[in-house]
Structures are given as C-alpha cells and as structure tokens.
C-alpha cells in the first residue's frame, strides 16, 4: 500500500515538473515570437502564463 502511494506521489511530482517545463517553454516561445503577435495578444498570453506559473 505504501508503495502505491510512493508511485502516485512520484507520478504527480513528474507531472508537475513537466507542466512547469511546458510553461517555461511557452514563455520562451512567446518571447521568440513576440514580433509576430500584436501587442494585446502578446500581453494577454504572457499574463495568463505568468498567472499559471504563480500557482506553483
């Protein structure tokens, strides 16, 4: 039973790390594509991504 809990905890931790990596990659991609986006779209996407990051 304890083994199952450790496995689930490990999976949750891995999922959180992957989500954090995706959000960081999204910010990097956003900066790289900044010139292709209009200012409002850029700011809104950045704001949403930073809000998601702050939840960590």
PDB file of N, CA and C in Angstrom:
ATOM      1  N   UNK A   1       0.828  -1.196   0.000  1.00  0.00           N
ATOM      2  CA  UNK A   1       0.000   0.000   0.000  1.00  0.00           C
ATOM      3  C   UNK A   1       0.871   1.258   0.000  1.00  0.00           C
ATOM      4  N   UNK A   2       1.904   1.261   0.835  1.00  0.00           N
ATOM      5  CA  UNK A   2       2.795   2.420   0.877  1.00  0.00           C
ATOM      6  C   UNK A   2       3.521   2.584  -0.448  1.00  0.00           C
ATOM      7  N   UNK A   3       3.803   1.463  -1.090  1.00  0.00           N
ATOM      8  CA  UNK A   3       4.482   1.502  -2.384  1.00  0.00           C
ATOM      9  C   UNK A   3       3.611   2.210  -3.414  1.00  0.00           C
ATOM     10  N   UNK A   4       2.321   1.933  -3.368  1.00  0.00           N
ATOM     11  CA  UNK A   4       1.395   2.579  -4.304  1.00  0.00           C
ATOM     12  C   UNK A   4       1.364   4.088  -4.083  1.00  0.00           C
ATOM     13  N   UNK A   5       1.361   4.504  -2.834  1.00  0.00           N
ATOM     14  CA  UNK A   5       1.368   5.929  -2.512  1.00  0.00           C
ATOM     15  C   UNK A   5       2.624   6.613  -3.015  1.00  0.00           C
ATOM     16  N   UNK A   6       3.751   5.932  -2.875  1.00  0.00           N
ATOM     17  CA  UNK A   6       5.013   6.497  -3.359  1.00  0.00           C
ATOM     18  C   UNK A   6       4.994   6.616  -4.873  1.00  0.00           C
ATOM     19  N   UNK A   7       4.429   5.617  -5.545  1.00  0.00           N
ATOM     20  CA  UNK A   7       4.345   5.642  -7.006  1.00  0.00           C
ATOM     21  C   UNK A   7       3.460   6.794  -7.463  1.00  0.00           C
ATOM     22  N   UNK A   8       2.313   6.957  -6.820  1.00  0.00           N
ATOM     23  CA  UNK A   8       1.404   8.047  -7.184  1.00  0.00           C
ATOM     24  C   UNK A   8       2.035   9.410  -6.913  1.00  0.00           C
ATOM     25  N   UNK A   9       2.731   9.529  -5.792  1.00  0.00           N
ATOM     26  CA  UNK A   9       3.414  10.780  -5.468  1.00  0.00           C
ATOM     27  C   UNK A   9       4.484  11.084  -6.498  1.00  0.00           C
ATOM     28  N   UNK A  10       5.209  10.063  -6.895  1.00  0.00           N
ATOM     29  CA  UNK A  10       6.253  10.230  -7.907  1.00  0.00           C
ATOM     30  C   UNK A  10       5.656  10.681  -9.237  1.00  0.00           C
ATOM     31  N   UNK A  11       4.528  10.079  -9.615  1.00  0.00           N
ATOM     32  CA  UNK A  11       3.866  10.457 -10.867  1.00  0.00           C
ATOM     33  C   UNK A  11       3.356  11.893 -10.804  1.00  0.00           C
ATOM     34  N   UNK A  12       2.783  12.275  -9.677  1.00  0.00           N
ATOM     35  CA  UNK A  12       2.295  13.648  -9.511  1.00  0.00           C
ATOM     36  C   UNK A  12       3.445  14.649  -9.603  1.00  0.00           C
ATOM     37  N   UNK A  13       4.555  14.316  -8.946  1.00  0.00           N
ATOM     38  CA  UNK A  13       5.722  15.190  -8.998  1.00  0.00           C
ATOM     39  C   UNK A  13       6.231  15.321 -10.431  1.00  0.00           C
ATOM     40  N   UNK A  14       6.285  14.213 -11.143  1.00  0.00           N
ATOM     41  CA  UNK A  14       6.741  14.235 -12.532  1.00  0.00           C
ATOM     42  C   UNK A  14       5.804  15.082 -13.388  1.00  0.00           C
ATOM     43  N   UNK A  15       4.493  14.932 -13.195  1.00  0.00           N
ATOM     44  CA  UNK A  15       3.520  15.724 -13.953  1.00  0.00           C
ATOM     45  C   UNK A  15       3.677  17.218 -13.676  1.00  0.00           C
ATOM     46  N   UNK A  16       3.909  17.576 -12.414  1.00  0.00           N
ATOM     47  CA  UNK A  16       4.105  18.982 -12.066  1.00  0.00           C
ATOM     48  C   UNK A  16       5.369  19.542 -12.710  1.00  0.00           C
ATOM     49  N   UNK A  17       6.434  18.754 -12.679  1.00  0.00           N
ATOM     50  CA  UNK A  17       7.683  19.197 -13.302  1.00  0.00           C
ATOM     51  C   UNK A  17       7.505  19.378 -14.806  1.00  0.00           C
ATOM     52  N   UNK A  18       6.771  18.470 -15.443  1.00  0.00           N
ATOM     53  CA  UNK A  18       6.521  18.586 -16.880  1.00  0.00           C
ATOM     54  C   UNK A  18       5.666  19.808 -17.191  1.00  0.00           C
ATOM     55  N   UNK A  19       4.670  20.074 -16.351  1.00  0.00           N
ATOM     56  CA  UNK A  19       3.828  21.249 -16.563  1.00  0.00           C
ATOM     57  C   UNK A  19       4.646  22.531 -16.395  1.00  0.00           C
ATOM     58  N   UNK A  20       5.503  22.561 -15.393  1.00  0.00           N
ATOM     59  CA  UNK A  20       6.367  23.719 -15.189  1.00  0.00           C
ATOM     60  C   UNK A  20       7.288  23.921 -16.392  1.00  0.00           C
ATOM     61  N   UNK A  21       7.852  22.835 -16.894  1.00  0.00           N
ATOM     62  CA  UNK A  21       8.708  22.920 -18.086  1.00  0.00           C
ATOM     63  C   UNK A  21       7.937  23.466 -19.284  1.00  0.00           C
ATOM     64  N   UNK A  22       6.688  23.007 -19.457  1.00  0.00           N
ATOM     65  CA  UNK A  22       5.867  23.489 -20.578  1.00  0.00           C
ATOM     66  C   UNK A  22       5.590  24.986 -20.456  1.00  0.00           C
ATOM     67  N   UNK A  23       5.294  25.433 -19.245  1.00  0.00           N
ATOM     68  CA  UNK A  23       5.023  26.858 -19.041  1.00  0.00           C
ATOM     69  C   UNK A  23       6.269  27.705 -19.300  1.00  0.00           C
ATOM     70  N   UNK A  24       7.409  27.221 -18.857  1.00  0.00           N
ATOM     71  CA  UNK A  24       8.655  27.949 -19.108  1.00  0.00           C
ATOM     72  C   UNK A  24       8.962  27.978 -20.603  1.00  0.00           C
ATOM     73  N   UNK A  25       8.707  26.874 -21.284  1.00  0.00           N
ATOM     74  CA  UNK A  25       8.922  26.821 -22.730  1.00  0.00           C
ATOM     75  C   UNK A  25       7.954  27.763 -23.440  1.00  0.00           C
ATOM     76  N   UNK A  26       6.726  27.831 -22.942  1.00  0.00           N
ATOM     77  CA  UNK A  26       5.736  28.728 -23.537  1.00  0.00           C
ATOM     78  C   UNK A  26       6.193  30.185 -23.423  1.00  0.00           C
ATOM     79  N   UNK A  27       6.749  30.554 -22.274  1.00  0.00           N
ATOM     80  CA  UNK A  27       7.264  31.916 -22.120  1.00  0.00           C
ATOM     81  C   UNK A  27       8.417  32.180 -23.083  1.00  0.00           C
ATOM     82  N   UNK A  28       9.295  31.211 -23.222  1.00  0.00           N
ATOM     83  CA  UNK A  28      10.423  31.363 -24.142  1.00  0.00           C
ATOM     84  C   UNK A  28       9.924  31.496 -25.578  1.00  0.00           C
ATOM     85  N   UNK A  29       8.996  30.642 -25.965  1.00  0.00           N
ATOM     86  CA  UNK A  29       8.429  30.707 -27.315  1.00  0.00           C
ATOM     87  C   UNK A  29       7.724  32.040 -27.548  1.00  0.00           C
ATOM     88  N   UNK A  30       7.032  32.500 -26.535  1.00  0.00           N
ATOM     89  CA  UNK A  30       6.314  33.770 -26.631  1.00  0.00           C
ATOM     90  C   UNK A  30       7.281  34.920 -26.911  1.00  0.00           C
ATOM     91  N   UNK A  31       8.400  34.928 -26.207  1.00  0.00           N
ATOM     92  CA  UNK A  31       9.400  35.974 -26.433  1.00  0.00           C
ATOM     93  C   UNK A  31       9.992  35.873 -27.836  1.00  0.00           C
ATOM     94  N   UNK A  32      10.226  34.657 -28.300  1.00  0.00           N
ATOM     95  CA  UNK A  32      10.799  34.465 -29.630  1.00  0.00           C
ATOM     96  C   UNK A  32       9.834  34.894 -30.738  1.00  0.00           C
ATOM     97  N   UNK A  33       8.535  34.776 -30.481  1.00  0.00           N
ATOM     98  CA  UNK A  33       7.523  35.102 -31.493  1.00  0.00           C
ATOM     99  C   UNK A  33       6.875  36.465 -31.243  1.00  0.00           C
ATOM    100  N   UNK A  34       7.427  37.222 -30.353  1.00  0.00           N
ATOM    101  CA  UNK A  34       6.818  38.490 -29.938  1.00  0.00           C
ATOM    102  C   UNK A  34       6.496  39.407 -31.114  1.00  0.00           C
ATOM    103  N   UNK A  35       7.393  39.488 -32.074  1.00  0.00           N
ATOM    104  CA  UNK A  35       7.189  40.387 -33.212  1.00  0.00           C
ATOM    105  C   UNK A  35       6.060  39.928 -34.124  1.00  0.00           C
ATOM    106  N   UNK A  36       5.716  38.647 -34.055  1.00  0.00           N
ATOM    107  CA  UNK A  36       4.658  38.103 -34.906  1.00  0.00           C
ATOM    108  C   UNK A  36       3.269  38.298 -34.298  1.00  0.00           C
ATOM    109  N   UNK A  37       3.212  38.663 -33.035  1.00  0.00           N
ATOM    110  CA  UNK A  37       1.938  38.832 -32.334  1.00  0.00           C
ATOM    111  C   UNK A  37       1.628  40.309 -32.180  1.00  0.00           C
ATOM    112  N   UNK A  38       0.326  40.623 -32.132  1.00  0.00           N
ATOM    113  CA  UNK A  38       0.008  42.010 -31.820  1.00  0.00           C
ATOM    114  C   UNK A  38       0.204  42.215 -30.317  1.00  0.00           C
ATOM    115  N   UNK A  39       0.343  43.447 -29.906  1.00  0.00           N
ATOM    116  CA  UNK A  39       0.699  43.766 -28.522  1.00  0.00           C
ATOM    117  C   UNK A  39      -0.298  43.197 -27.518  1.00  0.00           C
ATOM    118  N   UNK A  40      -1.598  43.297 -27.819  1.00  0.00           N
ATOM    119  CA  UNK A  40      -2.618  42.794 -26.895  1.00  0.00           C
ATOM    120  C   UNK A  40      -2.524  41.282 -26.737  1.00  0.00           C
ATOM    121  N   UNK A  41      -2.337  40.588 -27.851  1.00  0.00           N
ATOM    122  CA  UNK A  41      -2.238  39.129 -27.810  1.00  0.00           C
ATOM    123  C   UNK A  41      -1.008  38.697 -27.009  1.00  0.00           C
ATOM    124  N   UNK A  42       0.099  39.379 -27.235  1.00  0.00           N
ATOM    125  CA  UNK A  42       1.335  39.078 -26.508  1.00  0.00           C
ATOM    126  C   UNK A  42       1.136  39.280 -25.006  1.00  0.00           C
ATOM    127  N   UNK A  43       0.612  40.439 -24.626  1.00  0.00           N
ATOM    128  CA  UNK A  43       0.432  40.761 -23.209  1.00  0.00           C
ATOM    129  C   UNK A  43      -0.544  39.804 -22.530  1.00  0.00           C
ATOM    130  N   UNK A  44      -1.638  39.482 -23.203  1.00  0.00           N
ATOM    131  CA  UNK A  44      -2.635  38.577 -22.625  1.00  0.00           C
ATOM    132  C   UNK A  44      -2.051  37.178 -22.423  1.00  0.00           C
ATOM    133  N   UNK A  45      -1.352  36.679 -23.420  1.00  0.00           N
ATOM    134  CA  UNK A  45      -0.762  35.344 -23.318  1.00  0.00           C
ATOM    135  C   UNK A  45       0.304  35.310 -22.231  1.00  0.00           C
ATOM    136  N   UNK A  46       1.116  36.341 -22.173  1.00  0.00           N
ATOM    137  CA  UNK A  46       2.159  36.395 -21.144  1.00  0.00           C
ATOM    138  C   UNK A  46       1.529  36.461 -19.757  1.00  0.00           C
ATOM    139  N   UNK A  47       0.494  37.283 -19.613  1.00  0.00           N
ATOM    140  CA  UNK A  47      -0.188  37.419 -18.323  1.00  0.00           C
ATOM    141  C   UNK A  47      -0.766  36.077 -17.874  1.00  0.00           C
ATOM    142  N   UNK A  48      -1.429  35.377 -18.783  1.00  0.00           N
ATOM    143  CA  UNK A  48      -2.021  34.081 -18.450  1.00  0.00           C
ATOM    144  C   UNK A  48      -0.951  33.067 -18.052  1.00  0.00           C
ATOM    145  N   UNK A  49       0.152  33.055 -18.786  1.00  0.00           N
ATOM    146  CA  UNK A  49       1.229  32.115 -18.486  1.00  0.00           C
ATOM    147  C   UNK A  49       1.849  32.425 -17.127  1.00  0.00           C
ATOM    148  N   UNK A  50       2.080  33.694 -16.847  1.00  0.00           N
ATOM    149  CA  UNK A  50       2.654  34.073 -15.554  1.00  0.00           C
ATOM    150  C   UNK A  50       1.701  33.761 -14.401  1.00  0.00           C
ATOM    151  N   UNK A  51       0.401  33.901 -14.631  1.00  0.00           N
ATOM    152  CA  UNK A  51      -0.578  33.542 -13.602  1.00  0.00           C
ATOM    153  C   UNK A  51      -0.510  32.048 -13.305  1.00  0.00           C
ATOM    154  N   UNK A  52      -0.388  31.253 -14.361  1.00  0.00           N
ATOM    155  CA  UNK A  52      -0.273  29.808 -14.172  1.00  0.00           C
ATOM    156  C   UNK A  52       1.009  29.464 -13.418  1.00  0.00           C
ATOM    157  N   UNK A  53       2.088  30.145 -13.735  1.00  0.00           N
ATOM    158  CA  UNK A  53       3.352  29.914 -13.030  1.00  0.00           C
ATOM    159  C   UNK A  53       3.240  30.300 -11.558  1.00  0.00           C
ATOM    160  N   UNK A  54       2.524  31.368 -11.275  1.00  0.00           N
ATOM    161  CA  UNK A  54       2.401  31.820  -9.886  1.00  0.00           C
ATOM    162  C   UNK A  54       1.617  30.829  -9.030  1.00  0.00           C
ATOM    163  N   UNK A  55       0.816  29.983  -9.671  1.00  0.00           N
ATOM    164  CA  UNK A  55       0.059  28.971  -8.940  1.00  0.00           C
ATOM    165  C   UNK A  55       0.968  27.882  -8.373  1.00  0.00           C
ATOM    166  N   UNK A  56       2.175  27.788  -8.913  1.00  0.00           N
ATOM    167  CA  UNK A  56       3.135  26.826  -8.386  1.00  0.00           C
ATOM    168  C   UNK A  56       3.708  27.378  -7.112  1.00  0.00           C
TER     169      UNK A  56
END
